[in-house]
C-alpha atoms as a PDB file:
ATOM      1  CA  ASP A   1      -4.207  12.828  28.929  1.00  0.00           C
ATOM      2  CA  THR A   2      -5.465  12.979  25.327  1.00  0.00           C
ATOM      3  CA  THR A   3      -2.551  11.328  23.488  1.00  0.00           C
ATOM      4  CA  ALA A   4      -4.269   7.926  23.314  1.00  0.00           C
ATOM      5  CA  MET A   5      -7.235   9.533  21.511  1.00  0.00           C
ATOM      6  CA  ASN A   6      -5.049  10.795  18.628  1.00  0.00           C
ATOM      7  CA  PRO A   7      -4.698   8.929  15.336  1.00  0.00           C
ATOM      8  CA  GLN A   8      -2.151   6.133  15.646  1.00  0.00           C
ATOM      9  CA  PHE A   9       0.008   4.453  13.026  1.00  0.00           C
ATOM     10  CA  HIS A  10       1.621   1.085  13.692  1.00  0.00           C
ATOM     11  CA  VAL A  11       5.087   0.538  12.199  1.00  0.00           C
ATOM     12  CA  GLN A  12       6.280  -3.055  12.246  1.00  0.00           C
ATOM     13  CA  ILE A  13       9.926  -3.578  11.353  1.00  0.00           C
ATOM     14  CA  PRO A  14      10.339  -7.341  10.721  1.00  0.00           C
ATOM     15  CA  ARG A  15      12.347  -9.213  13.283  1.00  0.00           C
ATOM     16  CA  ALA A  16      13.972 -11.277  10.522  1.00  0.00           C
ATOM     17  CA  GLY A  17      16.111  -8.258   9.690  1.00  0.00           C
ATOM     18  CA  LEU A  18      19.176  -8.244  11.895  1.00  0.00           C
ATOM     19  CA  SER A  19      20.206  -4.677  11.211  1.00  0.00           C
ATOM     20  CA  LYS A  20      18.584  -1.456  12.255  1.00  0.00           C
ATOM     21  CA  CYS A  21      16.138   0.235   9.915  1.00  0.00           C
ATOM     22  CA  HIS A  22      16.357   3.865   8.834  1.00  0.00           C
ATOM     23  CA  VAL A  23      12.986   5.590   9.195  1.00  0.00           C
ATOM     24  CA  VAL A  24      11.866   9.071   8.162  1.00  0.00           C
ATOM     25  CA  VAL A  25       8.597  10.363   9.653  1.00  0.00           C
ATOM     26  CA  SER A  26       6.983  13.510   8.293  1.00  0.00           C
ATOM     27  CA  VAL A  27       3.786  15.250   9.413  1.00  0.00           C
ATOM     28  CA  VAL A  28       2.438  17.953   7.096  1.00  0.00           C
ATOM     29  CA  GLN A  29      -0.554  19.986   8.193  1.00  0.00           C
ATOM     30  CA  GLN A  30      -3.205  21.208   5.802  1.00  0.00           C
ATOM     31  CA  TYR A  31      -2.658  24.746   4.621  1.00  0.00           C
ATOM     32  CA  ASP A  32      -5.011  26.532   2.252  1.00  0.00           C
ATOM     33  CA  ASN A  33      -2.978  28.777  -0.027  1.00  0.00           C
ATOM     34  CA  ALA A  34      -5.739  29.134  -2.648  1.00  0.00           C
ATOM     35  CA  ILE A  35      -7.527  31.856  -0.653  1.00  0.00           C
ATOM     36  CA  SER A  36      -7.088  35.415  -1.962  1.00  0.00           C
ATOM     37  CA  ALA A  37      -5.413  38.149   0.067  1.00  0.00           C
ATOM     38  CA  ALA A  38      -8.821  39.741   0.695  1.00  0.00           C
ATOM     39  CA  ASP A  39      -9.961  36.560   2.455  1.00  0.00           C
ATOM     40  CA  ASN A  40      -6.732  36.245   4.424  1.00  0.00           C
ATOM     41  CA  LYS A  41      -8.619  36.287   7.765  1.00  0.00           C
ATOM     42  CA  LYS A  42     -10.419  33.075   6.774  1.00  0.00           C
ATOM     43  CA  ARG A  43      -7.149  31.281   6.054  1.00  0.00           C
ATOM     44  CA  HIS A  44      -6.440  28.232   8.206  1.00  0.00           C
ATOM     45  CA  GLN A  45      -4.009  28.952  11.002  1.00  0.00           C
ATOM     46  CA  LEU A  46      -1.004  26.696  11.320  1.00  0.00           C
ATOM     47  CA  HIS A  47      -0.985  24.845  14.630  1.00  0.00           C
ATOM     48  CA  PRO A  48       2.122  23.864  16.569  1.00  0.00           C
ATOM     49  CA  ILE A  49       2.394  20.202  15.480  1.00  0.00           C
ATOM     50  CA  GLY A  50       4.634  17.252  16.196  1.00  0.00           C
ATOM     51  CA  PHE A  51       4.532  13.532  16.809  1.00  0.00           C
ATOM     52  CA  ALA A  52       5.656  10.935  19.305  1.00  0.00           C
ATOM     53  CA  VAL A  53       7.097   7.483  18.641  1.00  0.00           C
ATOM     54  CA  TYR A  54       6.448   4.711  21.163  1.00  0.00           C
ATOM     55  CA  GLU A  55       7.987   1.256  21.194  1.00  0.00           C
ATOM     56  CA  ILE A  56       5.129  -1.168  21.876  1.00  0.00           C
ATOM     57  CA  PRO A  57       4.663  -4.884  22.555  1.00  0.00           C
ATOM     58  CA  ALA A  58       3.990  -6.914  19.389  1.00  0.00           C
ATOM     59  CA  ASN A  59       0.460  -7.841  20.529  1.00  0.00           C
ATOM     60  CA  MET A  60      -0.670  -4.254  21.282  1.00  0.00           C
ATOM     61  CA  THR A  61      -3.285  -2.970  18.840  1.00  0.00           C
ATOM     62  CA  ARG A  62      -3.700   0.591  20.130  1.00  0.00           C
ATOM     63  CA  LEU A  63      -2.071   2.862  22.703  1.00  0.00           C
ATOM     64  CA  THR A  64      -4.106   3.326  25.850  1.00  0.00           C
ATOM     65  CA  THR A  65      -4.035   6.189  28.331  1.00  0.00           C
ATOM     66  CA  ALA A  66      -2.479   3.836  30.906  1.00  0.00           C
ATOM     67  CA  PHE A  67       0.308   2.831  28.504  1.00  0.00           C
ATOM     68  CA  VAL A  68       1.063   6.467  27.631  1.00  0.00           C
ATOM     69  CA  THR A  69       1.140   7.371  31.347  1.00  0.00           C
ATOM     70  CA  GLU A  70       3.495   4.503  32.251  1.00  0.00           C
ATOM     71  CA  HIS A  71       5.858   4.603  29.245  1.00  0.00           C
ATOM     72  CA  ARG A  72       7.900   7.428  27.882  1.00  0.00           C
ATOM     73  CA  PRO A  73       8.012   7.797  24.102  1.00  0.00           C
ATOM     74  CA  MET A  74      11.260   6.914  22.346  1.00  0.00           C
ATOM     75  CA  ASP A  75      11.205  10.344  20.760  1.00  0.00           C
ATOM     76  CA  VAL A  76       8.936  13.386  20.708  1.00  0.00           C
ATOM     77  CA  THR A  77       9.458  16.134  18.161  1.00  0.00           C
ATOM     78  CA  ALA A  78       9.522  19.737  19.286  1.00  0.00           C
ATOM     79  CA  HIS A  79       6.230  21.413  18.441  1.00  0.00           C
ATOM     80  CA  SER A  80       6.591  23.609  15.399  1.00  0.00           C
ATOM     81  CA  CYS A  81       4.236  26.058  13.695  1.00  0.00           C
ATOM     82  CA  ALA A  82       5.878  25.113  10.421  1.00  0.00           C
ATOM     83  CA  ARG A  83       3.809  23.394   7.767  1.00  0.00           C
ATOM     84  CA  GLU A  84       5.918  20.225   8.072  1.00  0.00           C
ATOM     85  CA  THR A  85       7.777  18.467  10.872  1.00  0.00           C
ATOM     86  CA  VAL A  86      10.282  15.772   9.868  1.00  0.00           C
ATOM     87  CA  THR A  87      12.561  13.501  11.896  1.00  0.00           C
ATOM     88  CA  PHE A  88      14.994  10.717  10.986  1.00  0.00           C
ATOM     89  CA  PHE A  89      15.291   7.601  13.180  1.00  0.00           C
ATOM     90  CA  THR A  90      17.379   4.452  13.236  1.00  0.00           C
ATOM     91  CA  LEU A  91      15.233   1.713  14.806  1.00  0.00           C
ATOM     92  CA  PRO A  92      15.914  -1.936  15.591  1.00  0.00           C
ATOM     93  CA  PRO A  93      13.400  -4.608  14.514  1.00  0.00           C
ATOM     94  CA  GLY A  94      10.192  -4.382  16.538  1.00  0.00           C
ATOM     95  CA  ASP A  95       6.820  -2.672  16.789  1.00  0.00           C
ATOM     96  CA  TYR A  96       6.334   1.077  17.100  1.00  0.00           C
ATOM     97  CA  MET A  97       3.393   3.482  17.235  1.00  0.00           C
ATOM     98  CA  VAL A  98       3.615   6.937  15.633  1.00  0.00           C
ATOM     99  CA  VAL A  99       1.156   9.425  17.130  1.00  0.00           C
ATOM    100  CA  PRO A 100       0.798  12.850  15.447  1.00  0.00           C
ATOM    101  CA  HIS A 101      -0.409  15.618  17.749  1.00  0.00           C
ATOM    102  CA  THR A 102      -0.895  19.329  18.177  1.00  0.00           C
ATOM    103  CA  GLN A 103       0.548  21.268  21.092  1.00  0.00           C
ATOM    104  CA  GLN A 104      -2.900  22.129  22.434  1.00  0.00           C
ATOM    105  CA  PRO A 105      -5.044  19.187  23.601  1.00  0.00           C
ATOM    106  CA  ASN A 106      -8.391  18.718  21.812  1.00  0.00           C
ATOM    107  CA  CYS A 107      -7.238  20.799  18.835  1.00  0.00           C
ATOM    108  CA  ASP A 108      -8.241  18.999  15.635  1.00  0.00           C
ATOM    109  CA  ALA A 109      -6.178  19.537  12.511  1.00  0.00           C
ATOM    110  CA  LYS A 110      -5.950  17.805   9.154  1.00  0.00           C
ATOM    111  CA  PHE A 111      -2.575  16.324   8.303  1.00  0.00           C
ATOM    112  CA  LEU A 112      -0.615  14.130   5.931  1.00  0.00           C
ATOM    113  CA  LEU A 113       1.684  11.561   7.507  1.00  0.00           C
ATOM    114  CA  ARG A 114       4.547  10.009   5.563  1.00  0.00           C
ATOM    115  CA  ILE A 115       6.619   7.160   6.920  1.00  0.00           C
ATOM    116  CA  LEU A 116       9.551   6.025   4.801  1.00  0.00           C
ATOM    117  CA  THR A 117      11.740   3.026   5.658  1.00  0.00           C
ATOM    118  CA  ASP A 118      14.774   1.512   3.963  1.00  0.00           C
ATOM    119  CA  GLU A 119      13.690  -2.020   4.977  1.00  0.00           C
ATOM    120  CA  GLN A 120      10.477  -3.764   3.929  1.00  0.00           C
ATOM    121  CA  SER A 121       8.188  -2.767   6.813  1.00  0.00           C
ATOM    122  CA  ASN A 122       4.487  -3.085   7.554  1.00  0.00           C
ATOM    123  CA  ILE A 123       2.741   0.202   8.308  1.00  0.00           C
ATOM    124  CA  TRP A 124      -0.956   0.675   8.974  1.00  0.00           C
ATOM    125  CA  GLU A 125      -3.401   3.029  10.617  1.00  0.00           C
ATOM    126  CA  VAL A 126      -5.211   1.852  13.718  1.00  0.00           C
ATOM    127  CA  ASN A 127      -8.595   3.553  13.861  1.00  0.00           C
ATOM    128  CA  GLU A 128     -10.733   4.363  16.887  1.00  0.00           C
ATOM    129  CA  ASP A 129     -12.676   1.097  16.664  1.00  0.00           C
ATOM    130  CA  ASN A 130      -9.425  -0.873  17.002  1.00  0.00           C
ATOM    131  CA  MET A 131      -9.897  -2.086  13.454  1.00  0.00           C
ATOM    132  CA  VAL A 132      -6.702  -2.518  11.530  1.00  0.00           C
ATOM    133  CA  PHE A 133      -6.348  -1.448   7.900  1.00  0.00           C
ATOM    134  CA  ARG A 134      -3.371  -3.006   6.183  1.00  0.00           C
ATOM    135  CA  SER A 135      -2.051  -2.770   2.666  1.00  0.00           C
ATOM    136  CA  ILE A 136      -2.564  -5.804   0.497  1.00  0.00           C
ATOM    137  CA  ASN A 137       0.804  -7.111  -0.616  1.00  0.00           C
ATOM    138  CA  LEU A 138       0.284  -9.584  -3.435  1.00  0.00           C
ATOM    139  CA  GLU A 139       3.647 -11.226  -2.809  1.00  0.00           C
ATOM    140  CA  LYS A 140       2.677 -12.245   0.738  1.00  0.00           C
ATOM    141  CA  LEU A 141      -0.820 -13.642   0.474  1.00  0.00           C
ATOM    142  CA  ASP A 142      -1.988 -15.589   3.489  1.00  0.00           C
ATOM    143  CA  GLU A 143      -2.833 -19.287   3.184  1.00  0.00           C
ATOM    144  CA  GLY A 144      -6.534 -18.646   2.592  1.00  0.00           C
ATOM    145  CA  MET A 145      -5.813 -16.495  -0.443  1.00  0.00           C
ATOM    146  CA  LYS A 146      -3.375 -19.022  -1.904  1.00  0.00           C
ATOM    147  CA  LYS A 147      -6.270 -21.344  -2.619  1.00  0.00           C
ATOM    148  CA  ARG A 148      -7.197 -21.634  -6.256  1.00  0.00           C
ATOM    149  CA  GLU A 149     -10.470 -19.693  -6.093  1.00  0.00           C
ATOM    150  CA  GLY A 150      -8.806 -16.906  -4.128  1.00  0.00           C
ATOM    151  CA  ARG A 151      -6.102 -16.548  -6.761  1.00  0.00           C
ATOM    152  CA  GLN A 152      -8.636 -16.537  -9.579  1.00  0.00           C
ATOM    153  CA  MET A 153     -10.686 -13.883  -7.820  1.00  0.00           C
ATOM    154  CA  LEU A 154      -7.580 -11.779  -7.211  1.00  0.00           C
ATOM    155  CA  LEU A 155      -6.531 -12.037 -10.869  1.00  0.00           C
ATOM    156  CA  LYS A 156     -10.020 -10.873 -11.924  1.00  0.00           C
ATOM    157  CA  LEU A 157      -9.680  -7.958  -9.516  1.00  0.00           C
ATOM    158  CA  LEU A 158      -6.271  -7.002 -10.902  1.00  0.00           C
ATOM    159  CA  ASN A 159      -7.477  -7.192 -14.518  1.00  0.00           C
ATOM    160  CA  LYS A 160     -10.737  -5.320 -13.996  1.00  0.00           C
ATOM    161  CA  TYR A 161      -9.687  -2.492 -11.666  1.00  0.00           C
ATOM    162  CA  PRO A 162      -6.735  -0.102 -11.406  1.00  0.00           C
ATOM    163  CA  PRO A 163      -3.893  -0.891  -8.949  1.00  0.00           C
ATOM    164  CA  GLU A 164      -5.333   1.520  -6.369  1.00  0.00           C
ATOM    165  CA  LEU A 165      -8.926   0.804  -5.473  1.00  0.00           C
ATOM    166  CA  ASP A 166     -11.295   2.829  -3.348  1.00  0.00           C
ATOM    167  CA  PRO A 167     -13.207   0.989  -0.561  1.00  0.00           C
ATOM    168  CA  GLN A 168     -16.578   1.181  -2.322  1.00  0.00           C
ATOM    169  CA  ALA A 169     -15.266  -0.430  -5.536  1.00  0.00           C
ATOM    170  CA  LEU A 170     -13.501  -3.171  -3.560  1.00  0.00           C
ATOM    171  CA  HIS A 171     -16.669  -3.856  -1.550  1.00  0.00           C
ATOM    172  CA  LYS A 172     -18.742  -4.068  -4.749  1.00  0.00           C
ATOM    173  CA  PHE A 173     -16.243  -6.461  -6.331  1.00  0.00           C
ATOM    174  CA  LEU A 174     -16.097  -8.716  -3.271  1.00  0.00           C
ATOM    175  CA  LYS A 175     -19.905  -8.881  -2.986  1.00  0.00           C
ATOM    176  CA  THR A 176     -20.116  -9.841  -6.651  1.00  0.00           C
ATOM    177  CA  HIS A 177     -17.330 -12.436  -6.765  1.00  0.00           C
ATOM    178  CA  TRP A 178     -16.867 -13.846  -3.268  1.00  0.00           C
ATOM    179  CA  LYS A 179     -19.302 -16.285  -1.684  1.00  0.00           C
END
């Protein structure tokens, strides 16, 4: 019942690729090992964690409760109290949703998700507001960014800031340079 409320990560394996794509998915839960033995009772407990992988239609932005009820996941990892759960998949081109979860519903836990593919794939988090955050790939700029002013602005951005930019710095730059 609560699966559709979990964080969701869209994996898009391009349909141009004719072969299957090898995918490794890893979920690591936060574990505080800096606490002394005297404070051992305060240490974070490891939760039984896992994740599910759903094949989804290309136009779907977020899993819904109805979709989860009607469709079985392609794979669900066994819940493990280990710090990390990892699985290897071979997937054909298409769209997939990776949904990390704990064994107990409504149990919040911090985690690190890693998704590795051997084909160029698009991977992004879909947040609760159905907003999509995607990586900016400079090699595949859309038509609007190929315009001269867009290129100039992007070159200024690349020269002024480091390759990885936090949201506040990007927002400041865009407000300053984009009309």
